[in-house]
Amino acid sequence: TLLLDKTGTITLGNRQAAEFLPVDGVDAATVADAA
């Protein structure tokens, strides 16, 4: 049995942006530009 910490072992340790989700009436490019 191997016990492994998640942070820094299985994951990179820092959360990273994965996706821009716009609300109705706004496109993803607009959200990305503002973000």
Full PDB file with SEQRES, HELIX, SHEET, SSBOND, CRYST1, ORIGX, SCALE, CONECT and MASTER records, all heavy atoms in Angstrom:
SEQRES   1 A   35  THR LEU LEU LEU ASP LYS THR GLY THR ILE THR LEU GLY          
SEQRES   2 A   35  ASN ARG GLN ALA ALA GLU PHE LEU PRO VAL ASP GLY VAL          
SEQRES   3 A   35  ASP ALA ALA THR VAL ALA ASP ALA ALA                          
HELIX    1 AA1 ALA A   28  ALA A   34  1                                   7    
CRYST1    1.000    1.000    1.000  90.00  90.00  90.00 P 1           1          
ORIGX1      1.000000  0.000000  0.000000        0.00000                         
ORIGX2      0.000000  1.000000  0.000000        0.00000                         
ORIGX3      0.000000  0.000000  1.000000        0.00000                         
SCALE1      1.000000  0.000000  0.000000        0.00000                         
SCALE2      0.000000  1.000000  0.000000        0.00000                         
SCALE3      0.000000  0.000000  1.000000        0.00000                         
ATOM      1  N   THR A   1       0.838  -1.197   0.000  1.00  0.00           N  
ATOM      2  CA  THR A   1       0.000   0.000   0.000  1.00  0.00           C  
ATOM      3  C   THR A   1       0.871   1.244   0.000  1.00  0.00           C  
ATOM      4  O   THR A   1       1.818   1.338   0.782  1.00  0.00           O  
ATOM      5  CB  THR A   1      -0.920   0.035   1.232  1.00  0.00           C  
ATOM      6  OG1 THR A   1      -1.710  -1.155   1.263  1.00  0.00           O  
ATOM      7  CG2 THR A   1      -1.841   1.241   1.188  1.00  0.00           C  
ATOM      8  N   LEU A   2       0.550   2.182  -0.901  1.00  0.00           N  
ATOM      9  CA  LEU A   2       1.277   3.447  -0.996  1.00  0.00           C  
ATOM     10  C   LEU A   2       0.342   4.576  -0.575  1.00  0.00           C  
ATOM     11  O   LEU A   2      -0.745   4.731  -1.141  1.00  0.00           O  
ATOM     12  CB  LEU A   2       1.729   3.678  -2.448  1.00  0.00           C  
ATOM     13  CG  LEU A   2       3.226   3.822  -2.713  1.00  0.00           C  
ATOM     14  CD1 LEU A   2       3.919   2.553  -2.291  1.00  0.00           C  
ATOM     15  CD2 LEU A   2       3.486   4.081  -4.180  1.00  0.00           C  
ATOM     16  N   LEU A   3       0.750   5.348   0.427  1.00  0.00           N  
ATOM     17  CA  LEU A   3      -0.007   6.526   0.830  1.00  0.00           C  
ATOM     18  C   LEU A   3       0.690   7.755   0.258  1.00  0.00           C  
ATOM     19  O   LEU A   3       1.859   8.002   0.549  1.00  0.00           O  
ATOM     20  CB  LEU A   3      -0.081   6.634   2.356  1.00  0.00           C  
ATOM     21  CG  LEU A   3      -0.620   5.413   3.109  1.00  0.00           C  
ATOM     22  CD1 LEU A   3      -0.759   5.733   4.585  1.00  0.00           C  
ATOM     23  CD2 LEU A   3      -1.944   4.955   2.534  1.00  0.00           C  
ATOM     24  N   LEU A   4      -0.034   8.522  -0.557  1.00  0.00           N  
ATOM     25  CA  LEU A   4       0.565   9.646  -1.270  1.00  0.00           C  
ATOM     26  C   LEU A   4      -0.222  10.920  -1.004  1.00  0.00           C  
ATOM     27  O   LEU A   4      -1.451  10.939  -1.142  1.00  0.00           O  
ATOM     28  CB  LEU A   4       0.576   9.370  -2.781  1.00  0.00           C  
ATOM     29  CG  LEU A   4       1.346   8.123  -3.234  1.00  0.00           C  
ATOM     30  CD1 LEU A   4       0.905   7.724  -4.625  1.00  0.00           C  
ATOM     31  CD2 LEU A   4       2.832   8.389  -3.208  1.00  0.00           C  
ATOM     32  N   ASP A   5       0.486  11.988  -0.617  1.00  0.00           N  
ATOM     33  CA  ASP A   5      -0.165  13.285  -0.485  1.00  0.00           C  
ATOM     34  C   ASP A   5      -0.611  13.766  -1.859  1.00  0.00           C  
ATOM     35  O   ASP A   5       0.086  13.573  -2.858  1.00  0.00           O  
ATOM     36  CB  ASP A   5       0.800  14.312   0.122  1.00  0.00           C  
ATOM     37  CG  ASP A   5       0.858  14.193   1.638  1.00  0.00           C  
ATOM     38  OD1 ASP A   5      -0.126  13.719   2.220  1.00  0.00           O  
ATOM     39  OD2 ASP A   5       1.892  14.561   2.210  1.00  0.00           O  
ATOM     40  N   LYS A   6      -1.767  14.427  -1.875  1.00  0.00           N  
ATOM     41  CA  LYS A   6      -2.256  14.950  -3.153  1.00  0.00           C  
ATOM     42  C   LYS A   6      -1.392  16.097  -3.640  1.00  0.00           C  
ATOM     43  O   LYS A   6      -0.826  16.056  -4.732  1.00  0.00           O  
ATOM     44  CB  LYS A   6      -3.700  15.425  -3.000  1.00  0.00           C  
ATOM     45  CG  LYS A   6      -4.328  15.934  -4.296  1.00  0.00           C  
ATOM     46  CD  LYS A   6      -5.476  16.873  -4.040  1.00  0.00           C  
ATOM     47  CE  LYS A   6      -4.993  18.224  -3.556  1.00  0.00           C  
ATOM     48  NZ  LYS A   6      -6.046  19.239  -3.443  1.00  0.00           N  
ATOM     49  N   THR A   7      -1.256  17.131  -2.818  1.00  0.00           N  
ATOM     50  CA  THR A   7      -0.585  18.360  -3.235  1.00  0.00           C  
ATOM     51  C   THR A   7       0.910  18.136  -3.376  1.00  0.00           C  
ATOM     52  O   THR A   7       1.571  17.705  -2.431  1.00  0.00           O  
ATOM     53  CB  THR A   7      -0.849  19.489  -2.238  1.00  0.00           C  
ATOM     54  OG1 THR A   7      -2.255  19.651  -2.081  1.00  0.00           O  
ATOM     55  CG2 THR A   7      -0.232  20.784  -2.718  1.00  0.00           C  
ATOM     56  N   GLY A   8       1.433  18.417  -4.558  1.00  0.00           N  
ATOM     57  CA  GLY A   8       2.862  18.301  -4.804  1.00  0.00           C  
ATOM     58  C   GLY A   8       3.297  16.907  -5.206  1.00  0.00           C  
ATOM     59  O   GLY A   8       4.400  16.737  -5.725  1.00  0.00           O  
ATOM     60  N   THR A   9       2.453  15.910  -4.968  1.00  0.00           N  
ATOM     61  CA  THR A   9       2.804  14.538  -5.342  1.00  0.00           C  
ATOM     62  C   THR A   9       1.985  14.107  -6.544  1.00  0.00           C  
ATOM     63  O   THR A   9       2.521  13.759  -7.589  1.00  0.00           O  
ATOM     64  CB  THR A   9       2.556  13.581  -4.159  1.00  0.00           C  
ATOM     65  OG1 THR A   9       3.305  14.015  -3.037  1.00  0.00           O  
ATOM     66  CG2 THR A   9       2.975  12.167  -4.524  1.00  0.00           C  
ATOM     67  N   ILE A  10       0.669  14.139  -6.386  1.00  0.00           N  
ATOM     68  CA  ILE A  10      -0.218  13.756  -7.481  1.00  0.00           C  
ATOM     69  C   ILE A  10      -0.563  14.966  -8.346  1.00  0.00           C  
ATOM     70  O   ILE A  10      -0.626  14.869  -9.570  1.00  0.00           O  
ATOM     71  CB  ILE A  10      -1.490  13.096  -6.916  1.00  0.00           C  
ATOM     72  CG1 ILE A  10      -1.111  11.782  -6.218  1.00  0.00           C  
ATOM     73  CG2 ILE A  10      -2.511  12.846  -8.016  1.00  0.00           C  
ATOM     74  CD1 ILE A  10      -2.257  11.110  -5.509  1.00  0.00           C  
ATOM     75  N   THR A  11      -0.756  16.110  -7.704  1.00  0.00           N  
ATOM     76  CA  THR A  11      -1.047  17.340  -8.446  1.00  0.00           C  
ATOM     77  C   THR A  11       0.168  18.270  -8.405  1.00  0.00           C  
ATOM     78  O   THR A  11       1.089  18.073  -7.623  1.00  0.00           O  
ATOM     79  CB  THR A  11      -2.263  18.076  -7.848  1.00  0.00           C  
ATOM     80  OG1 THR A  11      -1.938  18.514  -6.518  1.00  0.00           O  
ATOM     81  CG2 THR A  11      -3.466  17.151  -7.792  1.00  0.00           C  
ATOM     82  N   LEU A  12       0.130  19.291  -9.245  1.00  0.00           N  
ATOM     83  CA  LEU A  12       1.255  20.221  -9.317  1.00  0.00           C  
ATOM     84  C   LEU A  12       1.386  21.075  -8.064  1.00  0.00           C  
ATOM     85  O   LEU A  12       2.441  21.634  -7.796  1.00  0.00           O  
ATOM     86  CB  LEU A  12       1.103  21.133 -10.538  1.00  0.00           C  
ATOM     87  CG  LEU A  12       1.214  20.442 -11.902  1.00  0.00           C  
ATOM     88  CD1 LEU A  12       0.924  21.439 -13.017  1.00  0.00           C  
ATOM     89  CD2 LEU A  12       2.594  19.826 -12.082  1.00  0.00           C  
ATOM     90  N   GLY A  13       0.325  21.181  -7.296  1.00  0.00           N  
ATOM     91  CA  GLY A  13       0.400  21.927  -6.041  1.00  0.00           C  
ATOM     92  C   GLY A  13      -0.297  23.263  -6.096  1.00  0.00           C  
ATOM     93  O   GLY A  13      -0.810  23.742  -5.092  1.00  0.00           O  
ATOM     94  N   ASN A  14      -0.354  23.889  -7.261  1.00  0.00           N  
ATOM     95  CA  ASN A  14      -1.052  25.160  -7.420  1.00  0.00           C  
ATOM     96  C   ASN A  14      -2.224  24.964  -8.375  1.00  0.00           C  
ATOM     97  O   ASN A  14      -2.076  24.334  -9.431  1.00  0.00           O  
ATOM     98  CB  ASN A  14      -0.120  26.237  -7.985  1.00  0.00           C  
ATOM     99  CG  ASN A  14       0.992  26.600  -7.018  1.00  0.00           C  
ATOM    100  OD1 ASN A  14       0.758  26.772  -5.834  1.00  0.00           O  
ATOM    101  ND2 ASN A  14       2.207  26.692  -7.538  1.00  0.00           N  
ATOM    102  N   ARG A  15      -3.371  25.520  -8.021  1.00  0.00           N  
ATOM    103  CA  ARG A  15      -4.521  25.434  -8.914  1.00  0.00           C  
ATOM    104  C   ARG A  15      -4.247  26.264 -10.169  1.00  0.00           C  
ATOM    105  O   ARG A  15      -3.621  27.318 -10.101  1.00  0.00           O  
ATOM    106  CB  ARG A  15      -5.771  25.940  -8.207  1.00  0.00           C  
ATOM    107  CG  ARG A  15      -6.197  25.086  -7.022  1.00  0.00           C  
ATOM    108  CD  ARG A  15      -7.233  25.795  -6.190  1.00  0.00           C  
ATOM    109  NE  ARG A  15      -6.705  27.051  -5.660  1.00  0.00           N  
ATOM    110  CZ  ARG A  15      -7.429  27.947  -5.012  1.00  0.00           C  
ATOM    111  NH1 ARG A  15      -8.716  27.735  -4.825  1.00  0.00           N  
ATOM    112  NH2 ARG A  15      -6.885  29.054  -4.555  1.00  0.00           N  
ATOM    113  N   GLN A  16      -4.750  25.783 -11.283  1.00  0.00           N  
ATOM    114  CA  GLN A  16      -4.530  26.475 -12.548  1.00  0.00           C  
ATOM    115  C   GLN A  16      -5.847  26.651 -13.281  1.00  0.00           C  
ATOM    116  O   GLN A  16      -6.759  25.816 -13.172  1.00  0.00           O  
ATOM    117  CB  GLN A  16      -3.544  25.695 -13.421  1.00  0.00           C  
ATOM    118  CG  GLN A  16      -2.147  25.641 -12.838  1.00  0.00           C  
ATOM    119  CD  GLN A  16      -1.139  25.058 -13.813  1.00  0.00           C  
ATOM    120  OE1 GLN A  16      -1.477  24.707 -14.943  1.00  0.00           O  
ATOM    121  NE2 GLN A  16       0.105  24.958 -13.392  1.00  0.00           N  
ATOM    122  N   ALA A  17      -5.920  27.745 -14.029  1.00  0.00           N  
ATOM    123  CA  ALA A  17      -7.128  28.015 -14.809  1.00  0.00           C  
ATOM    124  C   ALA A  17      -7.260  26.974 -15.910  1.00  0.00           C  
ATOM    125  O   ALA A  17      -6.311  26.682 -16.634  1.00  0.00           O  
ATOM    126  CB  ALA A  17      -7.057  29.421 -15.403  1.00  0.00           C  
ATOM    127  N   ALA A  18      -8.466  26.401 -16.036  1.00  0.00           N  
ATOM    128  CA  ALA A  18      -8.681  25.344 -17.022  1.00  0.00           C  
ATOM    129  C   ALA A  18      -9.713  25.719 -18.077  1.00  0.00           C  
ATOM    130  O   ALA A  18      -9.687  25.178 -19.179  1.00  0.00           O  
ATOM    131  CB  ALA A  18      -9.117  24.053 -16.315  1.00  0.00           C  
ATOM    132  N   GLU A  19     -10.630  26.661 -17.747  1.00  0.00           N  
ATOM    133  CA  GLU A  19     -11.731  26.929 -18.675  1.00  0.00           C  
ATOM    134  C   GLU A  19     -12.395  28.260 -18.332  1.00  0.00           C  
ATOM    135  O   GLU A  19     -12.479  28.641 -17.161  1.00  0.00           O  
ATOM    136  CB  GLU A  19     -12.759  25.791 -18.568  1.00  0.00           C  
ATOM    137  CG  GLU A  19     -13.847  25.810 -19.599  1.00  0.00           C  
ATOM    138  CD  GLU A  19     -14.790  24.622 -19.457  1.00  0.00           C  
ATOM    139  OE1 GLU A  19     -14.666  23.886 -18.446  1.00  0.00           O  
ATOM    140  OE2 GLU A  19     -15.643  24.435 -20.330  1.00  0.00           O  
ATOM    141  N   PHE A  20     -12.861  28.970 -19.389  1.00  0.00           N  
ATOM    142  CA  PHE A  20     -13.664  30.184 -19.219  1.00  0.00           C  
ATOM    143  C   PHE A  20     -15.117  29.838 -19.555  1.00  0.00           C  
ATOM    144  O   PHE A  20     -15.402  29.372 -20.666  1.00  0.00           O  
ATOM    145  CB  PHE A  20     -13.173  31.311 -20.135  1.00  0.00           C  
ATOM    146  CG  PHE A  20     -11.767  31.764 -19.850  1.00  0.00           C  
ATOM    147  CD1 PHE A  20     -10.747  31.512 -20.744  1.00  0.00           C  
ATOM    148  CD2 PHE A  20     -11.468  32.445 -18.674  1.00  0.00           C  
ATOM    149  CE1 PHE A  20      -9.453  31.933 -20.496  1.00  0.00           C  
ATOM    150  CE2 PHE A  20     -10.174  32.871 -18.415  1.00  0.00           C  
ATOM    151  CZ  PHE A  20      -9.158  32.603 -19.321  1.00  0.00           C  
ATOM    152  N   LEU A  21     -16.023  30.055 -18.605  1.00  0.00           N  
ATOM    153  CA  LEU A  21     -17.432  29.715 -18.800  1.00  0.00           C  
ATOM    154  C   LEU A  21     -18.255  31.001 -18.803  1.00  0.00           C  
ATOM    155  O   LEU A  21     -18.459  31.626 -17.749  1.00  0.00           O  
ATOM    156  CB  LEU A  21     -17.906  28.785 -17.681  1.00  0.00           C  
ATOM    157  CG  LEU A  21     -17.130  27.466 -17.542  1.00  0.00           C  
ATOM    158  CD1 LEU A  21     -17.581  26.716 -16.303  1.00  0.00           C  
ATOM    159  CD2 LEU A  21     -17.336  26.614 -18.793  1.00  0.00           C  
ATOM    160  N   PRO A  22     -18.746  31.457 -19.960  1.00  0.00           N  
ATOM    161  CA  PRO A  22     -19.496  32.722 -20.028  1.00  0.00           C  
ATOM    162  C   PRO A  22     -20.963  32.533 -19.639  1.00  0.00           C  
ATOM    163  O   PRO A  22     -21.503  31.423 -19.694  1.00  0.00           O  
ATOM    164  CB  PRO A  22     -19.370  33.108 -21.498  1.00  0.00           C  
ATOM    165  CG  PRO A  22     -19.267  31.785 -22.214  1.00  0.00           C  
ATOM    166  CD  PRO A  22     -18.528  30.860 -21.281  1.00  0.00           C  
ATOM    167  N   VAL A  23     -21.604  33.617 -19.226  1.00  0.00           N  
ATOM    168  CA  VAL A  23     -23.051  33.597 -18.994  1.00  0.00           C  
ATOM    169  C   VAL A  23     -23.742  33.893 -20.325  1.00  0.00           C  
ATOM    170  O   VAL A  23     -23.098  34.261 -21.322  1.00  0.00           O  
ATOM    171  CB  VAL A  23     -23.449  34.632 -17.922  1.00  0.00           C  
ATOM    172  CG1 VAL A  23     -22.784  34.312 -16.600  1.00  0.00           C  
ATOM    173  CG2 VAL A  23     -23.113  36.051 -18.374  1.00  0.00           C  
ATOM    174  N   ASP A  24     -25.057  33.705 -20.354  1.00  0.00           N  
ATOM    175  CA  ASP A  24     -25.808  33.963 -21.592  1.00  0.00           C  
ATOM    176  C   ASP A  24     -25.612  35.402 -22.056  1.00  0.00           C  
ATOM    177  O   ASP A  24     -25.631  36.350 -21.254  1.00  0.00           O  
ATOM    178  CB  ASP A  24     -27.301  33.713 -21.359  1.00  0.00           C  
ATOM    179  CG  ASP A  24     -27.614  32.225 -21.260  1.00  0.00           C  
ATOM    180  OD1 ASP A  24     -26.767  31.419 -21.700  1.00  0.00           O  
ATOM    181  OD2 ASP A  24     -28.685  31.885 -20.723  1.00  0.00           O  
ATOM    182  N   GLY A  25     -25.402  35.536 -23.355  1.00  0.00           N  
ATOM    183  CA  GLY A  25     -25.228  36.860 -23.925  1.00  0.00           C  
ATOM    184  C   GLY A  25     -23.786  37.319 -23.973  1.00  0.00           C  
ATOM    185  O   GLY A  25     -23.497  38.407 -24.487  1.00  0.00           O  
ATOM    186  N   VAL A  26     -22.860  36.535 -23.442  1.00  0.00           N  
ATOM    187  CA  VAL A  26     -21.434  36.877 -23.445  1.00  0.00           C  
ATOM    188  C   VAL A  26     -20.669  35.707 -24.055  1.00  0.00           C  
ATOM    189  O   VAL A  26     -20.967  34.542 -23.771  1.00  0.00           O  
ATOM    190  CB  VAL A  26     -20.920  37.154 -22.018  1.00  0.00           C  
ATOM    191  CG1 VAL A  26     -19.441  37.522 -22.028  1.00  0.00           C  
ATOM    192  CG2 VAL A  26     -21.742  38.250 -21.356  1.00  0.00           C  
ATOM    193  N   ASP A  27     -19.715  36.008 -24.923  1.00  0.00           N  
ATOM    194  CA  ASP A  27     -18.929  34.893 -25.474  1.00  0.00           C  
ATOM    195  C   ASP A  27     -17.682  34.651 -24.633  1.00  0.00           C  
ATOM    196  O   ASP A  27     -17.256  35.502 -23.839  1.00  0.00           O  
ATOM    197  CB  ASP A  27     -18.559  35.141 -26.939  1.00  0.00           C  
ATOM    198  CG  ASP A  27     -17.759  36.413 -27.155  1.00  0.00           C  
ATOM    199  OD1 ASP A  27     -16.965  36.785 -26.254  1.00  0.00           O  
ATOM    200  OD2 ASP A  27     -17.916  37.044 -28.203  1.00  0.00           O  
ATOM    201  N   ALA A  28     -17.076  33.470 -24.820  1.00  0.00           N  
ATOM    202  CA  ALA A  28     -15.920  33.063 -24.015  1.00  0.00           C  
ATOM    203  C   ALA A  28     -14.733  33.984 -24.236  1.00  0.00           C  
ATOM    204  O   ALA A  28     -13.946  34.235 -23.309  1.00  0.00           O  
ATOM    205  CB  ALA A  28     -15.528  31.611 -24.343  1.00  0.00           C  
ATOM    206  N   ALA A  29     -14.566  34.523 -25.452  1.00  0.00           N  
ATOM    207  CA  ALA A  29     -13.439  35.410 -25.737  1.00  0.00           C  
ATOM    208  C   ALA A  29     -13.538  36.688 -24.910  1.00  0.00           C  
ATOM    209  O   ALA A  29     -12.523  37.221 -24.442  1.00  0.00           O  
ATOM    210  CB  ALA A  29     -13.394  35.739 -27.224  1.00  0.00           C  
ATOM    211  N   THR A  30     -14.750  37.189 -24.730  1.00  0.00           N  
ATOM    212  CA  THR A  30     -14.941  38.395 -23.919  1.00  0.00           C  
ATOM    213  C   THR A  30     -14.573  38.121 -22.465  1.00  0.00           C  
ATOM    214  O   THR A  30     -13.927  38.944 -21.802  1.00  0.00           O  
ATOM    215  CB  THR A  30     -16.396  38.874 -24.016  1.00  0.00           C  
ATOM    216  OG1 THR A  30     -16.706  39.172 -25.377  1.00  0.00           O  
ATOM    217  CG2 THR A  30     -16.622  40.114 -23.158  1.00  0.00           C  
ATOM    218  N   VAL A  31     -14.993  36.963 -21.956  1.00  0.00           N  
ATOM    219  CA  VAL A  31     -14.645  36.584 -20.587  1.00  0.00           C  
ATOM    220  C   VAL A  31     -13.128  36.451 -20.451  1.00  0.00           C  
ATOM    221  O   VAL A  31     -12.532  36.924 -19.470  1.00  0.00           O  
ATOM    222  CB  VAL A  31     -15.336  35.267 -20.188  1.00  0.00           C  
ATOM    223  CG1 VAL A  31     -14.910  34.840 -18.780  1.00  0.00           C  
ATOM    224  CG2 VAL A  31     -16.839  35.407 -20.267  1.00  0.00           C  
ATOM    225  N   ALA A  32     -12.488  35.819 -21.444  1.00  0.00           N  
ATOM    226  CA  ALA A  32     -11.041  35.630 -21.392  1.00  0.00           C  
ATOM    227  C   ALA A  32     -10.305  36.963 -21.390  1.00  0.00           C  
ATOM    228  O   ALA A  32      -9.330  37.162 -20.645  1.00  0.00           O  
ATOM    229  CB  ALA A  32     -10.582  34.776 -22.569  1.00  0.00           C  
ATOM    230  N   ASP A  33     -10.777  37.917 -22.226  1.00  0.00           N  
ATOM    231  CA  ASP A  33     -10.129  39.232 -22.292  1.00  0.00           C  
ATOM    232  C   ASP A  33     -10.256  39.961 -20.953  1.00  0.00           C  
ATOM    233  O   ASP A  33      -9.277  40.518 -20.436  1.00  0.00           O  
ATOM    234  CB  ASP A  33     -10.764  40.053 -23.407  1.00  0.00           C  
ATOM    235  CG  ASP A  33     -10.119  41.432 -23.538  1.00  0.00           C  
ATOM    236  OD1 ASP A  33      -8.967  41.502 -24.015  1.00  0.00           O  
ATOM    237  OD2 ASP A  33     -10.769  42.418 -23.131  1.00  0.00           O  
ATOM    238  N   ALA A  34     -11.449  39.942 -20.379  1.00  0.00           N  
ATOM    239  CA  ALA A  34     -11.659  40.616 -19.094  1.00  0.00           C  
ATOM    240  C   ALA A  34     -10.877  39.920 -17.982  1.00  0.00           C  
ATOM    241  O   ALA A  34     -10.299  40.573 -17.099  1.00  0.00           O  
ATOM    242  CB  ALA A  34     -13.145  40.626 -18.756  1.00  0.00           C  
ATOM    243  N   ALA A  35     -10.842  38.576 -18.027  1.00  0.00           N  
ATOM    244  CA  ALA A  35     -10.123  37.818 -16.999  1.00  0.00           C  
ATOM    245  C   ALA A  35      -8.630  38.108 -17.065  1.00  0.00           C  
ATOM    246  O   ALA A  35      -7.965  38.262 -16.030  1.00  0.00           O  
ATOM    247  CB  ALA A  35     -10.385  36.329 -17.175  1.00  0.00           C  
TER     248      ALA A  35                                                      
MASTER        0    0    0    1    0    0    0    6  247    1    0    3          
END                                                                             
